[in-house]
């Protein structure tokens, strides 16, 4: 058997792993983006309540 026939088969699994690693990185990036947007939205909605609560507590000590 010639090396030209089996040599590409040895490299195929490595290329497949690289493709999967890139796909996993892209999925993590999307998940991180969605979580970040959710946190920013929650903080924006709750910022008034948090500010009011902090001022209430501050007035108790001041």
PDB file of N, CA and C in Angstrom:
ATOM      1  N   UNK A   1       0.850  -1.170   0.000  1.00  0.00           N
ATOM      2  CA  UNK A   1       0.000   0.000   0.000  1.00  0.00           C
ATOM      3  C   UNK A   1       0.897   1.236   0.000  1.00  0.00           C
ATOM      4  N   UNK A   2       0.526   2.192  -0.820  1.00  0.00           N
ATOM      5  CA  UNK A   2       1.311   3.407  -0.916  1.00  0.00           C
ATOM      6  C   UNK A   2       0.930   4.389   0.190  1.00  0.00           C
ATOM      7  N   UNK A   3       1.900   5.214   0.578  1.00  0.00           N
ATOM      8  CA  UNK A   3       1.681   6.188   1.646  1.00  0.00           C
ATOM      9  C   UNK A   3       0.632   7.223   1.250  1.00  0.00           C
ATOM     10  N   UNK A   4       0.504   7.501  -0.034  1.00  0.00           N
ATOM     11  CA  UNK A   4      -0.469   8.495  -0.478  1.00  0.00           C
ATOM     12  C   UNK A   4      -1.900   8.072  -0.162  1.00  0.00           C
ATOM     13  N   UNK A   5      -2.133   6.794   0.005  1.00  0.00           N
ATOM     14  CA  UNK A   5      -3.478   6.310   0.248  1.00  0.00           C
ATOM     15  C   UNK A   5      -3.882   6.433   1.716  1.00  0.00           C
ATOM     16  N   UNK A   6      -2.981   6.164   2.639  1.00  0.00           N
ATOM     17  CA  UNK A   6      -3.346   6.165   4.059  1.00  0.00           C
ATOM     18  C   UNK A   6      -2.907   7.415   4.812  1.00  0.00           C
ATOM     19  N   UNK A   7      -2.002   8.187   4.231  1.00  0.00           N
ATOM     20  CA  UNK A   7      -1.529   9.391   4.913  1.00  0.00           C
ATOM     21  C   UNK A   7      -2.644  10.426   5.122  1.00  0.00           C
ATOM     22  N   UNK A   8      -3.502  10.707   4.140  1.00  0.00           N
ATOM     23  CA  UNK A   8      -4.602  11.657   4.387  1.00  0.00           C
ATOM     24  C   UNK A   8      -5.561  11.176   5.481  1.00  0.00           C
ATOM     25  N   UNK A   9      -5.733   9.879   5.616  1.00  0.00           N
ATOM     26  CA  UNK A   9      -6.634   9.344   6.639  1.00  0.00           C
ATOM     27  C   UNK A   9      -6.096   9.603   8.036  1.00  0.00           C
ATOM     28  N   UNK A  10      -4.791   9.707   8.182  1.00  0.00           N
ATOM     29  CA  UNK A  10      -4.205   9.985   9.493  1.00  0.00           C
ATOM     30  C   UNK A  10      -4.450  11.425   9.916  1.00  0.00           C
ATOM     31  N   UNK A  11      -4.556  12.331   8.975  1.00  0.00           N
ATOM     32  CA  UNK A  11      -4.739  13.739   9.285  1.00  0.00           C
ATOM     33  C   UNK A  11      -6.215  14.130   9.417  1.00  0.00           C
ATOM     34  N   UNK A  12      -7.114  13.323   8.938  1.00  0.00           N
ATOM     35  CA  UNK A  12      -8.538  13.656   8.974  1.00  0.00           C
ATOM     36  C   UNK A  12      -9.072  13.837  10.393  1.00  0.00           C
ATOM     37  N   UNK A  13      -8.758  12.968  11.365  1.00  0.00           N
ATOM     38  CA  UNK A  13      -9.296  13.184  12.720  1.00  0.00           C
ATOM     39  C   UNK A  13      -8.804  14.483  13.355  1.00  0.00           C
ATOM     40  N   UNK A  14      -7.571  14.869  13.093  1.00  0.00           N
ATOM     41  CA  UNK A  14      -7.045  16.105  13.663  1.00  0.00           C
ATOM     42  C   UNK A  14      -7.783  17.314  13.096  1.00  0.00           C
ATOM     43  N   UNK A  15      -8.055  17.300  11.817  1.00  0.00           N
ATOM     44  CA  UNK A  15      -8.789  18.412  11.204  1.00  0.00           C
ATOM     45  C   UNK A  15     -10.205  18.478  11.755  1.00  0.00           C
ATOM     46  N   UNK A  16     -10.827  17.317  12.005  1.00  0.00           N
ATOM     47  CA  UNK A  16     -12.170  17.279  12.562  1.00  0.00           C
ATOM     48  C   UNK A  16     -12.174  17.877  13.968  1.00  0.00           C
ATOM     49  N   UNK A  17     -11.171  17.575  14.776  1.00  0.00           N
ATOM     50  CA  UNK A  17     -11.082  18.127  16.126  1.00  0.00           C
ATOM     51  C   UNK A  17     -10.913  19.642  16.093  1.00  0.00           C
ATOM     52  N   UNK A  18     -10.125  20.161  15.164  1.00  0.00           N
ATOM     53  CA  UNK A  18      -9.951  21.606  15.050  1.00  0.00           C
ATOM     54  C   UNK A  18     -11.272  22.286  14.689  1.00  0.00           C
ATOM     55  N   UNK A  19     -12.045  21.658  13.795  1.00  0.00           N
ATOM     56  CA  UNK A  19     -13.341  22.225  13.418  1.00  0.00           C
ATOM     57  C   UNK A  19     -14.283  22.253  14.616  1.00  0.00           C
ATOM     58  N   UNK A  20     -14.288  21.188  15.421  1.00  0.00           N
ATOM     59  CA  UNK A  20     -15.160  21.128  16.589  1.00  0.00           C
ATOM     60  C   UNK A  20     -14.736  22.137  17.639  1.00  0.00           C
ATOM     61  N   UNK A  21     -13.448  22.343  17.814  1.00  0.00           N
ATOM     62  CA  UNK A  21     -12.963  23.310  18.801  1.00  0.00           C
ATOM     63  C   UNK A  21     -13.384  24.721  18.397  1.00  0.00           C
ATOM     64  N   UNK A  22     -13.308  25.042  17.134  1.00  0.00           N
ATOM     65  CA  UNK A  22     -13.745  26.346  16.654  1.00  0.00           C
ATOM     66  C   UNK A  22     -15.234  26.539  16.840  1.00  0.00           C
ATOM     67  N   UNK A  23     -15.994  25.495  16.604  1.00  0.00           N
ATOM     68  CA  UNK A  23     -17.443  25.562  16.775  1.00  0.00           C
ATOM     69  C   UNK A  23     -17.784  25.760  18.249  1.00  0.00           C
ATOM     70  N   UNK A  24     -17.092  25.060  19.135  1.00  0.00           N
ATOM     71  CA  UNK A  24     -17.343  25.199  20.562  1.00  0.00           C
ATOM     72  C   UNK A  24     -17.027  26.611  21.030  1.00  0.00           C
ATOM     73  N   UNK A  25     -15.938  27.175  20.550  1.00  0.00           N
ATOM     74  CA  UNK A  25     -15.568  28.544  20.913  1.00  0.00           C
ATOM     75  C   UNK A  25     -16.641  29.527  20.454  1.00  0.00           C
ATOM     76  N   UNK A  26     -17.173  29.326  19.276  1.00  0.00           N
ATOM     77  CA  UNK A  26     -18.229  30.202  18.765  1.00  0.00           C
ATOM     78  C   UNK A  26     -19.493  30.074  19.617  1.00  0.00           C
ATOM     79  N   UNK A  27     -19.827  28.867  20.032  1.00  0.00           N
ATOM     80  CA  UNK A  27     -21.014  28.668  20.872  1.00  0.00           C
ATOM     81  C   UNK A  27     -20.838  29.350  22.227  1.00  0.00           C
ATOM     82  N   UNK A  28     -19.665  29.219  22.822  1.00  0.00           N
ATOM     83  CA  UNK A  28     -19.399  29.886  24.101  1.00  0.00           C
ATOM     84  C   UNK A  28     -19.491  31.403  23.949  1.00  0.00           C
ATOM     85  N   UNK A  29     -19.025  31.923  22.830  1.00  0.00           N
ATOM     86  CA  UNK A  29     -19.091  33.362  22.593  1.00  0.00           C
ATOM     87  C   UNK A  29     -20.535  33.847  22.515  1.00  0.00           C
ATOM     88  N   UNK A  30     -21.379  33.089  21.859  1.00  0.00           N
ATOM     89  CA  UNK A  30     -22.790  33.463  21.744  1.00  0.00           C
ATOM     90  C   UNK A  30     -23.459  33.410  23.116  1.00  0.00           C
ATOM     91  N   UNK A  31     -23.186  32.359  23.882  1.00  0.00           N
ATOM     92  CA  UNK A  31     -23.780  32.231  25.213  1.00  0.00           C
ATOM     93  C   UNK A  31     -23.321  33.380  26.110  1.00  0.00           C
ATOM     94  N   UNK A  32     -22.031  33.705  26.063  1.00  0.00           N
ATOM     95  CA  UNK A  32     -21.502  34.801  26.872  1.00  0.00           C
ATOM     96  C   UNK A  32     -22.146  36.134  26.483  1.00  0.00           C
ATOM     97  N   UNK A  33     -22.364  36.342  25.196  1.00  0.00           N
ATOM     98  CA  UNK A  33     -23.011  37.570  24.732  1.00  0.00           C
ATOM     99  C   UNK A  33     -24.447  37.670  25.237  1.00  0.00           C
ATOM    100  N   UNK A  34     -25.179  36.580  25.174  1.00  0.00           N
ATOM    101  CA  UNK A  34     -26.580  36.584  25.623  1.00  0.00           C
ATOM    102  C   UNK A  34     -26.650  36.833  27.130  1.00  0.00           C
ATOM    103  N   UNK A  35     -25.774  36.185  27.893  1.00  0.00           N
ATOM    104  CA  UNK A  35     -25.755  36.392  29.338  1.00  0.00           C
ATOM    105  C   UNK A  35     -25.395  37.832  29.670  1.00  0.00           C
ATOM    106  N   UNK A  36     -24.420  38.384  28.977  1.00  0.00           N
ATOM    107  CA  UNK A  36     -24.014  39.771  29.219  1.00  0.00           C
ATOM    108  C   UNK A  36     -25.160  40.736  28.934  1.00  0.00           C
ATOM    109  N   UNK A  37     -25.845  40.535  27.833  1.00  0.00           N
ATOM    110  CA  UNK A  37     -26.989  41.397  27.513  1.00  0.00           C
ATOM    111  C   UNK A  37     -28.091  41.273  28.561  1.00  0.00           C
ATOM    112  N   UNK A  38     -28.320  40.070  29.067  1.00  0.00           N
ATOM    113  CA  UNK A  38     -29.324  39.863  30.109  1.00  0.00           C
ATOM    114  C   UNK A  38     -28.956  40.586  31.394  1.00  0.00           C
ATOM    115  N   UNK A  39     -27.679  40.535  31.763  1.00  0.00           N
ATOM    116  CA  UNK A  39     -27.226  41.225  32.976  1.00  0.00           C
ATOM    117  C   UNK A  39     -27.367  42.736  32.810  1.00  0.00           C
ATOM    118  N   UNK A  40     -26.974  43.245  31.667  1.00  0.00           N
ATOM    119  CA  UNK A  40     -27.088  44.684  31.414  1.00  0.00           C
ATOM    120  C   UNK A  40     -28.548  45.120  31.448  1.00  0.00           C
ATOM    121  N   UNK A  41     -29.430  44.340  30.851  1.00  0.00           N
ATOM    122  CA  UNK A  41     -30.855  44.676  30.864  1.00  0.00           C
ATOM    123  C   UNK A  41     -31.413  44.648  32.285  1.00  0.00           C
ATOM    124  N   UNK A  42     -31.036  43.638  33.059  1.00  0.00           N
ATOM    125  CA  UNK A  42     -31.523  43.543  34.444  1.00  0.00           C
ATOM    126  C   UNK A  42     -31.023  44.711  35.280  1.00  0.00           C
ATOM    127  N   UNK A  43     -29.766  45.069  35.117  1.00  0.00           N
ATOM    128  CA  UNK A  43     -29.224  46.200  35.875  1.00  0.00           C
ATOM    129  C   UNK A  43     -29.885  47.515  35.471  1.00  0.00           C
ATOM    130  N   UNK A  44     -30.194  47.653  34.207  1.00  0.00           N
ATOM    131  CA  UNK A  44     -30.870  48.869  33.745  1.00  0.00           C
ATOM    132  C   UNK A  44     -32.269  48.983  34.348  1.00  0.00           C
ATOM    133  N   UNK A  45     -32.980  47.873  34.397  1.00  0.00           N
ATOM    134  CA  UNK A  45     -34.339  47.875  34.934  1.00  0.00           C
ATOM    135  C   UNK A  45     -34.317  48.109  36.448  1.00  0.00           C
ATOM    136  N   UNK A  46     -33.363  47.520  37.135  1.00  0.00           N
ATOM    137  CA  UNK A  46     -33.335  47.584  38.592  1.00  0.00           C
ATOM    138  C   UNK A  46     -32.535  48.759  39.151  1.00  0.00           C
ATOM    139  N   UNK A  47     -31.914  49.545  38.306  1.00  0.00           N
ATOM    140  CA  UNK A  47     -31.025  50.595  38.802  1.00  0.00           C
ATOM    141  C   UNK A  47     -31.749  51.614  39.677  1.00  0.00           C
ATOM    142  N   UNK A  48     -32.972  51.974  39.331  1.00  0.00           N
ATOM    143  CA  UNK A  48     -33.739  52.917  40.137  1.00  0.00           C
ATOM    144  C   UNK A  48     -34.049  52.363  41.511  1.00  0.00           C
ATOM    145  N   UNK A  49     -34.441  51.108  41.578  1.00  0.00           N
ATOM    146  CA  UNK A  49     -34.751  50.472  42.857  1.00  0.00           C
ATOM    147  C   UNK A  49     -33.517  50.352  43.740  1.00  0.00           C
ATOM    148  N   UNK A  50     -32.417  49.988  43.130  1.00  0.00           N
ATOM    149  CA  UNK A  50     -31.176  49.829  43.887  1.00  0.00           C
ATOM    150  C   UNK A  50     -30.716  51.175  44.420  1.00  0.00           C
ATOM    151  N   UNK A  51     -30.790  52.195  43.606  1.00  0.00           N
ATOM    152  CA  UNK A  51     -30.390  53.541  44.043  1.00  0.00           C
ATOM    153  C   UNK A  51     -31.267  54.002  45.203  1.00  0.00           C
ATOM    154  N   UNK A  52     -32.565  53.794  45.106  1.00  0.00           N
ATOM    155  CA  UNK A  52     -33.481  54.169  46.179  1.00  0.00           C
ATOM    156  C   UNK A  52     -33.180  53.417  47.467  1.00  0.00           C
ATOM    157  N   UNK A  53     -32.890  52.136  47.361  1.00  0.00           N
ATOM    158  CA  UNK A  53     -32.578  51.334  48.542  1.00  0.00           C
ATOM    159  C   UNK A  53     -31.280  51.805  49.204  1.00  0.00           C
ATOM    160  N   UNK A  54     -30.296  52.108  48.405  1.00  0.00           N
ATOM    161  CA  UNK A  54     -29.026  52.579  48.947  1.00  0.00           C
ATOM    162  C   UNK A  54     -29.203  53.927  49.648  1.00  0.00           C
ATOM    163  N   UNK A  55     -29.998  54.790  49.062  1.00  0.00           N
ATOM    164  CA  UNK A  55     -30.237  56.096  49.682  1.00  0.00           C
ATOM    165  C   UNK A  55     -31.018  55.942  50.994  1.00  0.00           C
ATOM    166  N   UNK A  56     -31.946  55.008  51.038  1.00  0.00           N
ATOM    167  CA  UNK A  56     -32.695  54.755  52.265  1.00  0.00           C
ATOM    168  C   UNK A  56     -31.772  54.283  53.376  1.00  0.00           C
ATOM    169  N   UNK A  57     -30.906  53.334  53.060  1.00  0.00           N
ATOM    170  CA  UNK A  57     -29.958  52.821  54.056  1.00  0.00           C
ATOM    171  C   UNK A  57     -28.984  53.913  54.471  1.00  0.00           C
ATOM    172  N   UNK A  58     -28.529  54.715  53.530  1.00  0.00           N
ATOM    173  CA  UNK A  58     -27.595  55.795  53.834  1.00  0.00           C
ATOM    174  C   UNK A  58     -28.239  56.830  54.750  1.00  0.00           C
ATOM    175  N   UNK A  59     -29.520  57.084  54.545  1.00  0.00           N
ATOM    176  CA  UNK A  59     -30.190  58.077  55.390  1.00  0.00           C
ATOM    177  C   UNK A  59     -30.353  57.565  56.819  1.00  0.00           C
ATOM    178  N   UNK A  60     -30.428  56.252  56.991  1.00  0.00           N
ATOM    179  CA  UNK A  60     -30.521  55.688  58.341  1.00  0.00           C
ATOM    180  C   UNK A  60     -29.221  55.905  59.114  1.00  0.00           C
ATOM    181  N   UNK A  61     -28.098  55.876  58.428  1.00  0.00           N
ATOM    182  CA  UNK A  61     -26.805  56.045  59.082  1.00  0.00           C
ATOM    183  C   UNK A  61     -26.391  57.511  59.154  1.00  0.00           C
ATOM    184  N   UNK A  62     -26.942  58.343  58.300  1.00  0.00           N
ATOM    185  CA  UNK A  62     -26.486  59.737  58.221  1.00  0.00           C
ATOM    186  C   UNK A  62     -27.352  60.665  58.913  1.00  0.00           C
TER     187      UNK A  62
END
